[in-house]
Amino acid sequence: MALVIAVLCGLVAALTALIVSRHLGASALQSLAYAGGSFLAGTAFASAVQEKLGLF
């Protein structure tokens, strides 16, 4: 269950980065790169927090 929550947090981060970068005028490829990086960072951060809290 903790892994699913971490992935969902990553998806929220990716969607937010995609929307904000497109709004600020980035190209489609740049927006996808920002979204991919945000997904990885958001998932890793949520996983680390859950591990520290003993939920993982």
PDB file of N, CA and C in Angstrom:
ATOM      1  N   MET A   1       0.817  -1.193   0.000  1.00  0.00           N
ATOM      2  CA  MET A   1       0.000   0.000   0.000  1.00  0.00           C
ATOM      3  C   MET A   1       0.863   1.260   0.000  1.00  0.00           C
ATOM      4  N   ALA A   2       1.981   1.193   0.716  1.00  0.00           N
ATOM      5  CA  ALA A   2       2.858   2.360   0.790  1.00  0.00           C
ATOM      6  C   ALA A   2       3.455   2.684  -0.578  1.00  0.00           C
ATOM      7  N   LEU A   3       3.744   1.653  -1.362  1.00  0.00           N
ATOM      8  CA  LEU A   3       4.302   1.889  -2.695  1.00  0.00           C
ATOM      9  C   LEU A   3       3.280   2.572  -3.599  1.00  0.00           C
ATOM     10  N   VAL A   4       2.029   2.190  -3.473  1.00  0.00           N
ATOM     11  CA  VAL A   4       0.970   2.815  -4.273  1.00  0.00           C
ATOM     12  C   VAL A   4       0.836   4.293  -3.913  1.00  0.00           C
ATOM     13  N   ILE A   5       0.900   4.606  -2.631  1.00  0.00           N
ATOM     14  CA  ILE A   5       0.813   6.000  -2.195  1.00  0.00           C
ATOM     15  C   ILE A   5       1.999   6.798  -2.712  1.00  0.00           C
ATOM     16  N   ALA A   6       3.190   6.205  -2.697  1.00  0.00           N
ATOM     17  CA  ALA A   6       4.379   6.896  -3.209  1.00  0.00           C
ATOM     18  C   ALA A   6       4.251   7.173  -4.704  1.00  0.00           C
ATOM     19  N   VAL A   7       3.745   6.212  -5.452  1.00  0.00           N
ATOM     20  CA  VAL A   7       3.573   6.407  -6.898  1.00  0.00           C
ATOM     21  C   VAL A   7       2.513   7.470  -7.171  1.00  0.00           C
ATOM     22  N   LEU A   8       1.438   7.478  -6.395  1.00  0.00           N
ATOM     23  CA  LEU A   8       0.411   8.501  -6.573  1.00  0.00           C
ATOM     24  C   LEU A   8       0.959   9.894  -6.257  1.00  0.00           C
ATOM     25  N   CYS A   9       1.797   9.994  -5.238  1.00  0.00           N
ATOM     26  CA  CYS A   9       2.441  11.286  -4.945  1.00  0.00           C
ATOM     27  C   CYS A   9       3.327  11.718  -6.109  1.00  0.00           C
ATOM     28  N   GLY A  10       4.025  10.768  -6.709  1.00  0.00           N
ATOM     29  CA  GLY A  10       4.846  11.066  -7.875  1.00  0.00           C
ATOM     30  C   GLY A  10       4.016  11.524  -9.059  1.00  0.00           C
ATOM     31  N   LEU A  11       2.845  10.909  -9.251  1.00  0.00           N
ATOM     32  CA  LEU A  11       1.964  11.323 -10.345  1.00  0.00           C
ATOM     33  C   LEU A  11       1.428  12.737 -10.136  1.00  0.00           C
ATOM     34  N   VAL A  12       1.099  13.074  -8.906  1.00  0.00           N
ATOM     35  CA  VAL A  12       0.641  14.435  -8.610  1.00  0.00           C
ATOM     36  C   VAL A  12       1.763  15.436  -8.889  1.00  0.00           C
ATOM     37  N   ALA A  13       2.982  15.102  -8.486  1.00  0.00           N
ATOM     38  CA  ALA A  13       4.119  15.991  -8.740  1.00  0.00           C
ATOM     39  C   ALA A  13       4.360  16.151 -10.237  1.00  0.00           C
ATOM     40  N   ALA A  14       4.255  15.054 -10.987  1.00  0.00           N
ATOM     41  CA  ALA A  14       4.471  15.110 -12.432  1.00  0.00           C
ATOM     42  C   ALA A  14       3.398  15.944 -13.121  1.00  0.00           C
ATOM     43  N   LEU A  15       2.152  15.750 -12.737  1.00  0.00           N
ATOM     44  CA  LEU A  15       1.073  16.513 -13.350  1.00  0.00           C
ATOM     45  C   LEU A  15       1.197  17.998 -13.030  1.00  0.00           C
ATOM     46  N   THR A  16       1.562  18.308 -11.805  1.00  0.00           N
ATOM     47  CA  THR A  16       1.755  19.707 -11.426  1.00  0.00           C
ATOM     48  C   THR A  16       2.887  20.341 -12.233  1.00  0.00           C
ATOM     49  N   ALA A  17       3.991  19.635 -12.363  1.00  0.00           N
ATOM     50  CA  ALA A  17       5.122  20.164 -13.133  1.00  0.00           C
ATOM     51  C   ALA A  17       4.757  20.342 -14.602  1.00  0.00           C
ATOM     52  N   LEU A  18       4.001  19.413 -15.140  1.00  0.00           N
ATOM     53  CA  LEU A  18       3.591  19.502 -16.537  1.00  0.00           C
ATOM     54  C   LEU A  18       2.701  20.722 -16.764  1.00  0.00           C
ATOM     55  N   ILE A  19       1.727  20.910 -15.901  1.00  0.00           N
ATOM     56  CA  ILE A  19       0.801  22.037 -16.058  1.00  0.00           C
ATOM     57  C   ILE A  19       1.517  23.374 -15.881  1.00  0.00           C
ATOM     58  N   VAL A  20       2.353  23.467 -14.857  1.00  0.00           N
ATOM     59  CA  VAL A  20       3.049  24.738 -14.597  1.00  0.00           C
ATOM     60  C   VAL A  20       4.039  25.061 -15.713  1.00  0.00           C
ATOM     61  N   SER A  21       4.786  24.066 -16.172  1.00  0.00           N
ATOM     62  CA  SER A  21       5.773  24.339 -17.220  1.00  0.00           C
ATOM     63  C   SER A  21       5.104  24.708 -18.546  1.00  0.00           C
ATOM     64  N   ARG A  22       3.982  24.066 -18.874  1.00  0.00           N
ATOM     65  CA  ARG A  22       3.276  24.448 -20.101  1.00  0.00           C
ATOM     66  C   ARG A  22       2.687  25.852 -19.974  1.00  0.00           C
ATOM     67  N   HIS A  23       2.211  26.184 -18.791  1.00  0.00           N
ATOM     68  CA  HIS A  23       1.651  27.515 -18.566  1.00  0.00           C
ATOM     69  C   HIS A  23       2.718  28.596 -18.703  1.00  0.00           C
ATOM     70  N   LEU A  24       3.940  28.274 -18.300  1.00  0.00           N
ATOM     71  CA  LEU A  24       5.025  29.246 -18.369  1.00  0.00           C
ATOM     72  C   LEU A  24       5.714  29.287 -19.732  1.00  0.00           C
ATOM     73  N   GLY A  25       5.247  28.484 -20.686  1.00  0.00           N
ATOM     74  CA  GLY A  25       5.722  28.591 -22.058  1.00  0.00           C
ATOM     75  C   GLY A  25       6.782  27.594 -22.470  1.00  0.00           C
ATOM     76  N   ALA A  26       6.976  26.528 -21.733  1.00  0.00           N
ATOM     77  CA  ALA A  26       7.955  25.517 -22.128  1.00  0.00           C
ATOM     78  C   ALA A  26       7.394  24.687 -23.281  1.00  0.00           C
ATOM     79  N   SER A  27       8.285  24.122 -24.071  1.00  0.00           N
ATOM     80  CA  SER A  27       7.835  23.264 -25.165  1.00  0.00           C
ATOM     81  C   SER A  27       7.318  21.939 -24.593  1.00  0.00           C
ATOM     82  N   ALA A  28       6.717  21.154 -25.462  1.00  0.00           N
ATOM     83  CA  ALA A  28       6.149  19.882 -25.016  1.00  0.00           C
ATOM     84  C   ALA A  28       7.237  18.942 -24.504  1.00  0.00           C
ATOM     85  N   LEU A  29       8.374  18.905 -25.173  1.00  0.00           N
ATOM     86  CA  LEU A  29       9.460  18.019 -24.753  1.00  0.00           C
ATOM     87  C   LEU A  29      10.065  18.461 -23.429  1.00  0.00           C
ATOM     88  N   GLN A  30      10.218  19.756 -23.248  1.00  0.00           N
ATOM     89  CA  GLN A  30      10.718  20.265 -21.971  1.00  0.00           C
ATOM     90  C   GLN A  30       9.742  19.952 -20.843  1.00  0.00           C
ATOM     91  N   SER A  31       8.463  20.098 -21.107  1.00  0.00           N
ATOM     92  CA  SER A  31       7.449  19.814 -20.091  1.00  0.00           C
ATOM     93  C   SER A  31       7.470  18.342 -19.693  1.00  0.00           C
ATOM     94  N   LEU A  32       7.651  17.467 -20.657  1.00  0.00           N
ATOM     95  CA  LEU A  32       7.728  16.040 -20.344  1.00  0.00           C
ATOM     96  C   LEU A  32       8.972  15.717 -19.528  1.00  0.00           C
ATOM     97  N   ALA A  33      10.060  16.393 -19.820  1.00  0.00           N
ATOM     98  CA  ALA A  33      11.287  16.189 -19.046  1.00  0.00           C
ATOM     99  C   ALA A  33      11.099  16.655 -17.608  1.00  0.00           C
ATOM    100  N   TYR A  34      10.473  17.811 -17.431  1.00  0.00           N
ATOM    101  CA  TYR A  34      10.189  18.311 -16.077  1.00  0.00           C
ATOM    102  C   TYR A  34       9.259  17.357 -15.336  1.00  0.00           C
ATOM    103  N   ALA A  35       8.254  16.856 -16.026  1.00  0.00           N
ATOM    104  CA  ALA A  35       7.299  15.939 -15.408  1.00  0.00           C
ATOM    105  C   ALA A  35       7.972  14.630 -15.012  1.00  0.00           C
ATOM    106  N   GLY A  36       8.849  14.123 -15.864  1.00  0.00           N
ATOM    107  CA  GLY A  36       9.561  12.881 -15.542  1.00  0.00           C
ATOM    108  C   GLY A  36      10.471  13.035 -14.340  1.00  0.00           C
ATOM    109  N   GLY A  37      11.192  14.132 -14.299  1.00  0.00           N
ATOM    110  CA  GLY A  37      12.061  14.382 -13.150  1.00  0.00           C
ATOM    111  C   GLY A  37      11.278  14.580 -11.870  1.00  0.00           C
ATOM    112  N   SER A  38      10.153  15.273 -11.984  1.00  0.00           N
ATOM    113  CA  SER A  38       9.321  15.493 -10.801  1.00  0.00           C
ATOM    114  C   SER A  38       8.692  14.197 -10.317  1.00  0.00           C
ATOM    115  N   PHE A  39       8.329  13.318 -11.250  1.00  0.00           N
ATOM    116  CA  PHE A  39       7.783  12.019 -10.858  1.00  0.00           C
ATOM    117  C   PHE A  39       8.805  11.221 -10.061  1.00  0.00           C
ATOM    118  N   LEU A  40      10.019  11.170 -10.564  1.00  0.00           N
ATOM    119  CA  LEU A  40      11.070  10.415  -9.861  1.00  0.00           C
ATOM    120  C   LEU A  40      11.372  11.020  -8.498  1.00  0.00           C
ATOM    121  N   ALA A  41      11.484  12.336  -8.444  1.00  0.00           N
ATOM    122  CA  ALA A  41      11.791  13.003  -7.179  1.00  0.00           C
ATOM    123  C   ALA A  41      10.642  12.862  -6.181  1.00  0.00           C
ATOM    124  N   GLY A  42       9.410  13.039  -6.647  1.00  0.00           N
ATOM    125  CA  GLY A  42       8.252  12.929  -5.765  1.00  0.00           C
ATOM    126  C   GLY A  42       8.068  11.532  -5.219  1.00  0.00           C
ATOM    127  N   THR A  43       8.269  10.526  -6.064  1.00  0.00           N
ATOM    128  CA  THR A  43       8.145   9.139  -5.622  1.00  0.00           C
ATOM    129  C   THR A  43       9.244   8.780  -4.634  1.00  0.00           C
ATOM    130  N   ALA A  44      10.465   9.182  -4.906  1.00  0.00           N
ATOM    131  CA  ALA A  44      11.575   8.886  -4.002  1.00  0.00           C
ATOM    132  C   ALA A  44      11.396   9.585  -2.659  1.00  0.00           C
ATOM    133  N   PHE A  45      10.936  10.835  -2.691  1.00  0.00           N
ATOM    134  CA  PHE A  45      10.725  11.576  -1.450  1.00  0.00           C
ATOM    135  C   PHE A  45       9.618  10.948  -0.613  1.00  0.00           C
ATOM    136  N   ALA A  46       8.498  10.604  -1.241  1.00  0.00           N
ATOM    137  CA  ALA A  46       7.390   9.994  -0.504  1.00  0.00           C
ATOM    138  C   ALA A  46       7.796   8.641   0.061  1.00  0.00           C
ATOM    139  N   SER A  47       8.567   7.891  -0.699  1.00  0.00           N
ATOM    140  CA  SER A  47       9.039   6.591  -0.225  1.00  0.00           C
ATOM    141  C   SER A  47       9.981   6.753   0.965  1.00  0.00           C
ATOM    142  N   ALA A  48      10.865   7.746   0.914  1.00  0.00           N
ATOM    143  CA  ALA A  48      11.794   7.982   2.024  1.00  0.00           C
ATOM    144  C   ALA A  48      11.065   8.421   3.290  1.00  0.00           C
ATOM    145  N   VAL A  49      10.066   9.270   3.129  1.00  0.00           N
ATOM    146  CA  VAL A  49       9.289   9.719   4.286  1.00  0.00           C
ATOM    147  C   VAL A  49       8.528   8.553   4.906  1.00  0.00           C
ATOM    148  N   GLN A  50       7.935   7.733   4.074  1.00  0.00           N
ATOM    149  CA  GLN A  50       7.190   6.577   4.581  1.00  0.00           C
ATOM    150  C   GLN A  50       8.111   5.589   5.282  1.00  0.00           C
ATOM    151  N   GLU A  51       9.318   5.425   4.761  1.00  0.00           N
ATOM    152  CA  GLU A  51      10.284   4.527   5.405  1.00  0.00           C
ATOM    153  C   GLU A  51      10.695   5.058   6.774  1.00  0.00           C
ATOM    154  N   LYS A  52      10.924   6.366   6.861  1.00  0.00           N
ATOM    155  CA  LYS A  52      11.298   6.965   8.157  1.00  0.00           C
ATOM    156  C   LYS A  52      10.167   6.864   9.165  1.00  0.00           C
ATOM    157  N   LEU A  53       8.933   6.907   8.710  1.00  0.00           N
ATOM    158  CA  LEU A  53       7.778   6.806   9.602  1.00  0.00           C
ATOM    159  C   LEU A  53       7.415   5.356   9.925  1.00  0.00           C
ATOM    160  N   GLY A  54       8.100   4.423   9.288  1.00  0.00           N
ATOM    161  CA  GLY A  54       7.844   3.011   9.559  1.00  0.00           C
ATOM    162  C   GLY A  54       6.626   2.471   8.837  1.00  0.00           C
ATOM    163  N   LEU A  55       6.210   3.100   7.774  1.00  0.00           N
ATOM    164  CA  LEU A  55       5.017   2.660   7.031  1.00  0.00           C
ATOM    165  C   LEU A  55       5.372   1.754   5.864  1.00  0.00           C
ATOM    166  N   PHE A  56       6.614   1.636   5.539  1.00  0.00           N
ATOM    167  CA  PHE A  56       7.048   0.906   4.352  1.00  0.00           C
ATOM    168  C   PHE A  56       7.488  -0.480   4.688  1.00  0.00           C
TER     169      PHE A  56
END
